[in-house]
C-alpha atoms as a PDB file:
ATOM      1  CA  MET A   1       3.473 -18.506  16.774  1.00  0.00           C
ATOM      2  CA  SER A   2       0.032 -17.441  17.959  1.00  0.00           C
ATOM      3  CA  LEU A   3      -2.803 -19.594  16.550  1.00  0.00           C
ATOM      4  CA  ARG A   4      -6.394 -18.392  16.707  1.00  0.00           C
ATOM      5  CA  ILE A   5      -9.387 -20.405  15.505  1.00  0.00           C
ATOM      6  CA  ASP A   6     -12.604 -18.381  15.460  1.00  0.00           C
ATOM      7  CA  TRP A   7     -15.817 -17.893  13.525  1.00  0.00           C
ATOM      8  CA  ALA A   8     -15.346 -16.421  10.060  1.00  0.00           C
ATOM      9  CA  THR A   9     -17.575 -14.220   7.947  1.00  0.00           C
ATOM     10  CA  SER A  10     -19.040 -15.437   4.661  1.00  0.00           C
ATOM     11  CA  LYS A  11     -16.868 -12.836   2.909  1.00  0.00           C
ATOM     12  CA  ALA A  12     -13.697 -14.257   4.480  1.00  0.00           C
ATOM     13  CA  ALA A  13     -14.744 -17.802   3.564  1.00  0.00           C
ATOM     14  CA  LYS A  14     -15.398 -16.786  -0.032  1.00  0.00           C
ATOM     15  CA  TYR A  15     -12.027 -15.045  -0.296  1.00  0.00           C
ATOM     16  CA  ALA A  16     -10.142 -18.058   1.094  1.00  0.00           C
ATOM     17  CA  CYS A  17     -11.885 -20.555  -1.166  1.00  0.00           C
ATOM     18  CA  GLU A  18     -11.439 -18.484  -4.296  1.00  0.00           C
ATOM     19  CA  ASN A  19      -7.754 -17.810  -3.627  1.00  0.00           C
ATOM     20  CA  TRP A  20      -6.407 -20.804  -1.691  1.00  0.00           C
ATOM     21  CA  HIS A  21      -8.373 -23.838  -2.855  1.00  0.00           C
ATOM     22  CA  TYR A  22      -7.866 -25.690  -6.125  1.00  0.00           C
ATOM     23  CA  THR A  23     -11.592 -25.557  -7.023  1.00  0.00           C
ATOM     24  CA  GLY A  24     -11.665 -21.768  -6.732  1.00  0.00           C
ATOM     25  CA  TYR A  25     -15.218 -21.584  -5.423  1.00  0.00           C
ATOM     26  CA  LEU A  26     -17.156 -21.384  -2.154  1.00  0.00           C
ATOM     27  CA  PRO A  27     -19.426 -24.371  -1.459  1.00  0.00           C
ATOM     28  CA  SER A  28     -22.609 -24.235   0.575  1.00  0.00           C
ATOM     29  CA  ALA A  29     -21.552 -24.209   4.229  1.00  0.00           C
ATOM     30  CA  SER A  30     -23.567 -23.502   7.346  1.00  0.00           C
ATOM     31  CA  CYS A  31     -20.564 -23.494   9.696  1.00  0.00           C
ATOM     32  CA  ARG A  32     -17.587 -21.259   8.796  1.00  0.00           C
ATOM     33  CA  ILE A  33     -14.455 -21.347  10.946  1.00  0.00           C
ATOM     34  CA  GLY A  34     -11.441 -19.121  10.311  1.00  0.00           C
ATOM     35  CA  VAL A  35      -7.735 -19.557  11.039  1.00  0.00           C
ATOM     36  CA  TRP A  36      -5.328 -16.805  12.077  1.00  0.00           C
ATOM     37  CA  GLU A  37      -1.613 -17.060  12.847  1.00  0.00           C
ATOM     38  CA  ASN A  38       0.092 -14.123  14.522  1.00  0.00           C
ATOM     39  CA  GLY A  39      -2.985 -12.055  13.673  1.00  0.00           C
ATOM     40  CA  THR A  40      -2.842 -12.853   9.943  1.00  0.00           C
ATOM     41  CA  PHE A  41      -5.790 -14.514   8.239  1.00  0.00           C
ATOM     42  CA  LYS A  42      -4.727 -17.940   6.934  1.00  0.00           C
ATOM     43  CA  GLY A  43      -7.965 -19.450   5.663  1.00  0.00           C
ATOM     44  CA  VAL A  44     -11.039 -21.429   6.649  1.00  0.00           C
ATOM     45  CA  VAL A  45     -12.468 -24.798   7.557  1.00  0.00           C
ATOM     46  CA  LEU A  46     -16.084 -25.169   6.419  1.00  0.00           C
ATOM     47  CA  PHE A  47     -18.808 -27.620   7.413  1.00  0.00           C
ATOM     48  CA  GLY A  48     -22.148 -28.300   5.800  1.00  0.00           C
ATOM     49  CA  ILE A  49     -25.097 -29.598   7.829  1.00  0.00           C
ATOM     50  CA  GLY A  50     -28.015 -30.120   5.530  1.00  0.00           C
ATOM     51  CA  ALA A  51     -29.838 -32.454   3.216  1.00  0.00           C
ATOM     52  CA  ALA A  52     -26.912 -33.333   0.949  1.00  0.00           C
ATOM     53  CA  ASN A  53     -26.519 -37.005   0.093  1.00  0.00           C
ATOM     54  CA  ALA A  54     -23.240 -37.206   2.043  1.00  0.00           C
ATOM     55  CA  THR A  55     -24.959 -36.067   5.258  1.00  0.00           C
ATOM     56  CA  ARG A  56     -27.977 -38.377   5.114  1.00  0.00           C
ATOM     57  CA  GLY A  57     -27.829 -40.264   8.372  1.00  0.00           C
ATOM     58  CA  GLU A  58     -29.934 -43.350   7.574  1.00  0.00           C
ATOM     59  CA  LYS A  59     -26.944 -45.306   6.274  1.00  0.00           C
ATOM     60  CA  TYR A  60     -25.346 -44.949   9.711  1.00  0.00           C
ATOM     61  CA  GLY A  61     -28.486 -45.626  11.732  1.00  0.00           C
ATOM     62  CA  LEU A  62     -29.057 -41.928  12.384  1.00  0.00           C
ATOM     63  CA  LYS A  63     -31.730 -39.398  11.498  1.00  0.00           C
ATOM     64  CA  ARG A  64     -31.981 -38.319   7.877  1.00  0.00           C
ATOM     65  CA  LYS A  65     -30.986 -34.731   8.734  1.00  0.00           C
ATOM     66  CA  GLY A  66     -29.077 -32.971  11.472  1.00  0.00           C
ATOM     67  CA  GLU A  67     -26.882 -35.739  12.905  1.00  0.00           C
ATOM     68  CA  VAL A  68     -24.219 -35.928  10.185  1.00  0.00           C
ATOM     69  CA  ALA A  69     -22.129 -32.976   9.017  1.00  0.00           C
ATOM     70  CA  GLU A  70     -19.718 -32.810   6.096  1.00  0.00           C
ATOM     71  CA  LEU A  71     -16.343 -31.127   6.192  1.00  0.00           C
ATOM     72  CA  VAL A  72     -16.764 -29.479   2.797  1.00  0.00           C
ATOM     73  CA  ARG A  73     -13.653 -27.319   2.519  1.00  0.00           C
ATOM     74  CA  ILE A  74     -10.199 -26.730   3.977  1.00  0.00           C
ATOM     75  CA  ALA A  75      -8.855 -23.637   2.231  1.00  0.00           C
ATOM     76  CA  LEU A  76      -5.552 -22.426   3.670  1.00  0.00           C
ATOM     77  CA  ARG A  77      -2.656 -20.307   2.489  1.00  0.00           C
ATOM     78  CA  ASP A  78       0.882 -20.949   3.790  1.00  0.00           C
ATOM     79  CA  HIS A  79       0.708 -21.674   7.523  1.00  0.00           C
ATOM     80  CA  ILE A  80       2.678 -23.151  10.434  1.00  0.00           C
ATOM     81  CA  ALA A  81       0.158 -25.128  12.516  1.00  0.00           C
ATOM     82  CA  PRO A  82      -0.472 -28.707  11.330  1.00  0.00           C
ATOM     83  CA  VAL A  83      -3.731 -29.055   9.400  1.00  0.00           C
ATOM     84  CA  SER A  84      -4.734 -31.977  11.639  1.00  0.00           C
ATOM     85  CA  ARG A  85      -4.561 -29.686  14.685  1.00  0.00           C
ATOM     86  CA  ILE A  86      -6.562 -26.956  12.960  1.00  0.00           C
ATOM     87  CA  VAL A  87      -9.226 -29.460  11.933  1.00  0.00           C
ATOM     88  CA  ALA A  88      -9.411 -30.951  15.443  1.00  0.00           C
ATOM     89  CA  ILE A  89     -10.142 -27.528  16.946  1.00  0.00           C
ATOM     90  CA  ALA A  90     -12.645 -26.734  14.193  1.00  0.00           C
ATOM     91  CA  LEU A  91     -14.436 -30.027  14.853  1.00  0.00           C
ATOM     92  CA  LYS A  92     -14.862 -29.154  18.521  1.00  0.00           C
ATOM     93  CA  MET A  93     -16.217 -25.699  17.661  1.00  0.00           C
ATOM     94  CA  MET A  94     -18.656 -27.154  15.158  1.00  0.00           C
ATOM     95  CA  LYS A  95     -19.833 -29.774  17.667  1.00  0.00           C
ATOM     96  CA  ASP A  96     -20.288 -27.203  20.440  1.00  0.00           C
ATOM     97  CA  ALA A  97     -22.410 -25.073  18.105  1.00  0.00           C
ATOM     98  CA  ASN A  98     -24.354 -28.090  16.801  1.00  0.00           C
ATOM     99  CA  PRO A  99     -24.733 -30.545  19.709  1.00  0.00           C
ATOM    100  CA  GLY A 100     -27.047 -32.787  17.679  1.00  0.00           C
ATOM    101  CA  VAL A 101     -24.301 -33.708  15.210  1.00  0.00           C
ATOM    102  CA  ARG A 102     -22.821 -37.116  16.002  1.00  0.00           C
ATOM    103  CA  MET A 103     -20.518 -37.702  13.061  1.00  0.00           C
ATOM    104  CA  VAL A 104     -18.618 -35.824  10.359  1.00  0.00           C
ATOM    105  CA  VAL A 105     -17.845 -37.150   6.893  1.00  0.00           C
ATOM    106  CA  SER A 106     -15.213 -35.806   4.520  1.00  0.00           C
ATOM    107  CA  PHE A 107     -13.711 -36.823   1.199  1.00  0.00           C
ATOM    108  CA  ALA A 108     -10.239 -36.834  -0.332  1.00  0.00           C
ATOM    109  CA  ASP A 109     -10.095 -36.621  -4.119  1.00  0.00           C
ATOM    110  CA  PRO A 110      -7.583 -39.065  -5.673  1.00  0.00           C
ATOM    111  CA  SER A 111      -7.863 -37.255  -9.015  1.00  0.00           C
ATOM    112  CA  GLN A 112      -6.114 -34.339  -7.276  1.00  0.00           C
ATOM    113  CA  GLY A 113      -3.431 -36.595  -5.788  1.00  0.00           C
ATOM    114  CA  HIS A 114      -5.076 -36.642  -2.347  1.00  0.00           C
ATOM    115  CA  HIS A 115      -5.282 -39.783  -0.235  1.00  0.00           C
ATOM    116  CA  GLY A 116      -6.487 -38.251   3.053  1.00  0.00           C
ATOM    117  CA  GLY A 117      -3.277 -37.836   5.016  1.00  0.00           C
ATOM    118  CA  ILE A 118      -4.739 -35.178   7.313  1.00  0.00           C
ATOM    119  CA  TYR A 119      -7.641 -37.457   8.217  1.00  0.00           C
ATOM    120  CA  GLN A 120      -5.319 -40.350   8.895  1.00  0.00           C
ATOM    121  CA  ALA A 121      -3.273 -38.098  11.183  1.00  0.00           C
ATOM    122  CA  GLY A 122      -6.490 -37.197  13.023  1.00  0.00           C
ATOM    123  CA  ASN A 123      -7.547 -40.847  13.520  1.00  0.00           C
ATOM    124  CA  TRP A 124     -10.576 -40.647  11.230  1.00  0.00           C
ATOM    125  CA  VAL A 125     -12.191 -43.914  10.129  1.00  0.00           C
ATOM    126  CA  TYR A 126     -11.640 -44.759   6.467  1.00  0.00           C
ATOM    127  CA  SER A 127     -14.719 -46.441   4.963  1.00  0.00           C
ATOM    128  CA  GLY A 128     -13.641 -46.883   1.350  1.00  0.00           C
ATOM    129  CA  ARG A 129     -14.462 -44.971  -1.819  1.00  0.00           C
ATOM    130  CA  SER A 130     -17.674 -43.269  -2.752  1.00  0.00           C
ATOM    131  CA  VAL A 131     -19.465 -44.190  -5.966  1.00  0.00           C
ATOM    132  CA  GLY A 132     -17.916 -42.284  -8.854  1.00  0.00           C
ATOM    133  CA  ASP A 133     -20.091 -39.774 -10.706  1.00  0.00           C
ATOM    134  CA  HIS A 134     -18.864 -37.576 -13.548  1.00  0.00           C
ATOM    135  CA  GLU A 135     -16.820 -34.434 -14.026  1.00  0.00           C
ATOM    136  CA  PHE A 136     -15.738 -32.164 -16.858  1.00  0.00           C
ATOM    137  CA  PHE A 137     -12.395 -31.286 -18.397  1.00  0.00           C
ATOM    138  CA  VAL A 138     -12.593 -27.581 -19.291  1.00  0.00           C
ATOM    139  CA  ARG A 139      -9.798 -25.170 -20.196  1.00  0.00           C
ATOM    140  CA  GLY A 140      -7.164 -27.628 -19.074  1.00  0.00           C
ATOM    141  CA  LYS A 141      -8.762 -28.288 -15.671  1.00  0.00           C
ATOM    142  CA  ILE A 142     -10.907 -31.051 -14.224  1.00  0.00           C
ATOM    143  CA  MET A 143     -14.083 -29.476 -12.811  1.00  0.00           C
ATOM    144  CA  HIS A 144     -16.857 -30.920 -10.671  1.00  0.00           C
ATOM    145  CA  PRO A 145     -20.426 -30.248 -11.868  1.00  0.00           C
ATOM    146  CA  LYS A 146     -20.968 -28.064  -8.787  1.00  0.00           C
ATOM    147  CA  THR A 147     -18.033 -25.910  -9.872  1.00  0.00           C
ATOM    148  CA  LEU A 148     -19.647 -25.368 -13.266  1.00  0.00           C
ATOM    149  CA  HIS A 149     -22.933 -24.469 -11.596  1.00  0.00           C
ATOM    150  CA  SER A 150     -21.230 -21.943  -9.317  1.00  0.00           C
ATOM    151  CA  MET A 151     -19.750 -20.268 -12.414  1.00  0.00           C
ATOM    152  CA  GLY A 152     -23.089 -20.045 -14.167  1.00  0.00           C
ATOM    153  CA  TRP A 153     -22.166 -22.717 -16.723  1.00  0.00           C
ATOM    154  CA  ARG A 154     -24.376 -25.612 -17.761  1.00  0.00           C
ATOM    155  CA  GLN A 155     -23.401 -29.154 -16.820  1.00  0.00           C
ATOM    156  CA  SER A 156     -23.468 -30.204 -20.455  1.00  0.00           C
ATOM    157  CA  GLU A 157     -20.576 -31.232 -22.682  1.00  0.00           C
ATOM    158  CA  ALA A 158     -22.311 -29.839 -25.784  1.00  0.00           C
ATOM    159  CA  TRP A 159     -23.016 -26.478 -24.114  1.00  0.00           C
ATOM    160  CA  LEU A 160     -19.461 -26.175 -22.821  1.00  0.00           C
ATOM    161  CA  ILE A 161     -18.026 -26.966 -26.252  1.00  0.00           C
ATOM    162  CA  GLN A 162     -20.219 -24.328 -27.872  1.00  0.00           C
ATOM    163  CA  HIS A 163     -19.832 -21.551 -25.309  1.00  0.00           C
ATOM    164  CA  ILE A 164     -16.695 -22.122 -23.218  1.00  0.00           C
ATOM    165  CA  ASP A 165     -14.115 -24.529 -24.610  1.00  0.00           C
ATOM    166  CA  PRO A 166     -14.282 -26.419 -27.941  1.00  0.00           C
ATOM    167  CA  LYS A 167     -12.145 -29.148 -26.354  1.00  0.00           C
ATOM    168  CA  ALA A 168     -14.355 -29.615 -23.280  1.00  0.00           C
ATOM    169  CA  LYS A 169     -15.094 -33.229 -22.317  1.00  0.00           C
ATOM    170  CA  LYS A 170     -17.391 -35.030 -19.919  1.00  0.00           C
ATOM    171  CA  MET A 171     -15.485 -37.704 -18.025  1.00  0.00           C
ATOM    172  CA  LYS A 172     -16.206 -40.515 -15.606  1.00  0.00           C
ATOM    173  CA  ALA A 173     -15.077 -39.436 -12.131  1.00  0.00           C
ATOM    174  CA  PRO A 174     -13.284 -41.891  -9.841  1.00  0.00           C
ATOM    175  CA  GLY A 175     -14.807 -42.441  -6.427  1.00  0.00           C
ATOM    176  CA  LYS A 176     -13.403 -40.296  -3.623  1.00  0.00           C
ATOM    177  CA  HIS A 177     -11.832 -41.587  -0.427  1.00  0.00           C
ATOM    178  CA  ARG A 178     -14.455 -41.330   2.339  1.00  0.00           C
ATOM    179  CA  TYR A 179     -13.427 -40.606   5.930  1.00  0.00           C
ATOM    180  CA  LEU A 180     -15.676 -40.605   8.999  1.00  0.00           C
ATOM    181  CA  MET A 181     -15.135 -38.860  12.332  1.00  0.00           C
ATOM    182  CA  PRO A 182     -17.462 -40.074  15.123  1.00  0.00           C
ATOM    183  CA  LEU A 183     -18.080 -37.438  17.781  1.00  0.00           C
ATOM    184  CA  ASP A 184     -18.970 -39.764  20.671  1.00  0.00           C
ATOM    185  CA  ALA A 185     -17.922 -43.202  21.878  1.00  0.00           C
ATOM    186  CA  GLU A 186     -21.158 -44.948  20.909  1.00  0.00           C
ATOM    187  CA  MET A 187     -20.898 -43.609  17.383  1.00  0.00           C
ATOM    188  CA  ARG A 188     -17.294 -44.784  17.072  1.00  0.00           C
ATOM    189  CA  ASN A 189     -18.324 -48.293  18.114  1.00  0.00           C
ATOM    190  CA  ARG A 190     -21.211 -48.196  15.654  1.00  0.00           C
ATOM    191  CA  ILE A 191     -19.071 -47.393  12.627  1.00  0.00           C
ATOM    192  CA  ALA A 192     -16.067 -49.515  13.645  1.00  0.00           C
ATOM    193  CA  PRO A 193     -17.173 -52.396  11.347  1.00  0.00           C
ATOM    194  CA  LEU A 194     -16.957 -49.998   8.380  1.00  0.00           C
ATOM    195  CA  ALA A 195     -13.231 -49.358   8.874  1.00  0.00           C
ATOM    196  CA  LYS A 196     -10.870 -50.310   6.067  1.00  0.00           C
ATOM    197  CA  PRO A 197      -7.066 -49.982   5.812  1.00  0.00           C
ATOM    198  CA  TYR A 198      -5.907 -46.450   5.096  1.00  0.00           C
ATOM    199  CA  PRO A 199      -4.982 -45.792   1.460  1.00  0.00           C
ATOM    200  CA  LYS A 200      -1.346 -44.960   0.843  1.00  0.00           C
ATOM    201  CA  ARG A 201      -0.052 -41.740  -0.626  1.00  0.00           C
ATOM    202  CA  PRO A 202       0.164 -42.116  -4.407  1.00  0.00           C
ATOM    203  CA  LYS A 203       3.652 -41.726  -5.862  1.00  0.00           C
ATOM    204  CA  GLN A 204       2.400 -39.017  -8.206  1.00  0.00           C
ATOM    205  CA  ALA A 205       0.775 -37.002  -5.387  1.00  0.00           C
ATOM    206  CA  THR A 206       1.028 -33.253  -5.821  1.00  0.00           C
ATOM    207  CA  SER A 207       3.888 -31.744  -3.849  1.00  0.00           C
ATOM    208  CA  GLY A 208       3.798 -28.377  -2.118  1.00  0.00           C
ATOM    209  CA  VAL A 209       3.963 -26.525   1.163  1.00  0.00           C
ATOM    210  CA  GLN A 210       0.954 -28.406   2.494  1.00  0.00           C
ATOM    211  CA  PRO A 211       0.456 -31.521   0.330  1.00  0.00           C
ATOM    212  CA  ASP A 212      -2.721 -33.583   0.559  1.00  0.00           C
ATOM    213  CA  SER A 213      -4.551 -31.172   2.828  1.00  0.00           C
ATOM    214  CA  GLY A 214      -8.016 -32.212   1.768  1.00  0.00           C
ATOM    215  CA  GLY A 215      -7.766 -30.101  -1.350  1.00  0.00           C
ATOM    216  CA  ALA A 216      -6.468 -27.083   0.528  1.00  0.00           C
ATOM    217  CA  THR A 217      -3.229 -26.717  -1.390  1.00  0.00           C
ATOM    218  CA  PRO A 218      -1.891 -23.165  -0.870  1.00  0.00           C
ATOM    219  CA  THR A 219      -1.451 -21.210  -4.060  1.00  0.00           C
ATOM    220  CA  ARG A 220       0.560 -18.178  -3.173  1.00  0.00           C
ATOM    221  CA  THR A 221       1.744 -16.034  -0.283  1.00  0.00           C
ATOM    222  CA  LEU A 222      -0.064 -12.770   0.392  1.00  0.00           C
ATOM    223  CA  GLN A 223       1.352  -9.846   2.285  1.00  0.00           C
ATOM    224  CA  ASP A 224      -0.596  -8.143   5.058  1.00  0.00           C
ATOM    225  CA  THR A 225      -2.994  -5.863   3.247  1.00  0.00           C
ATOM    226  CA  ALA A 226      -6.173  -3.948   3.822  1.00  0.00           C
ATOM    227  CA  GLU A 227      -7.979  -6.898   2.236  1.00  0.00           C
ATOM    228  CA  GLU A 228      -6.788  -9.187   5.023  1.00  0.00           C
ATOM    229  CA  ALA A 229      -7.704  -6.642   7.664  1.00  0.00           C
ATOM    230  CA  GLU A 230     -11.339  -7.059   6.608  1.00  0.00           C
ATOM    231  CA  HIS A 231     -11.097 -10.725   7.568  1.00  0.00           C
ATOM    232  CA  ALA A 232     -10.754 -10.132  11.294  1.00  0.00           C
ATOM    233  CA  PRO A 233     -12.525 -12.718  13.491  1.00  0.00           C
ATOM    234  CA  ALA A 234     -16.304 -12.450  13.300  1.00  0.00           C
END
């Protein structure tokens, strides 16, 4: 099996997220890395480096912006290479392109049956759960407010009931599992006191070809098509 990790186009990232990720949408990402096996496009690993709350560095003794990145999406179809290996290579590429970044944060969503197995396999530091916010139950699916925004829907229970789904509900969201990956030795020592025992896989975790892959559960197998040919390495 030939594995290639390379820069991906925004079009390829959008396609992967809409087809191979449970949220079905492309988040804001400044660093897009694609995955190919035997020349076939398998998906993307996306990082965000901006002013989002998750990437504010003050809580880790870093600058407010630019020193913390967030792994915002792993969207993969069926593949052979372990996700932990793919992520490790993507991390190095992101770091090489953004030498000022000293740490990466990522989240595993327990409401989707994820406990962060790929991060545990990659020796990430588990720092507990984030503070829970809220989410919406619409058309039989749990949706994050950002998902509603990306679809042009209002983040309002009343609006959703009137325009989208009469059974829509606003719900309290559980906190997500937070994982940290320091990118240098000093940073690892700095965050070591934050480490907590890894959470265990829940018994009701979703099964599949690639379970608990940071939300990157494959949905279906695609044949080599002209669509995939457009997703050649950038």
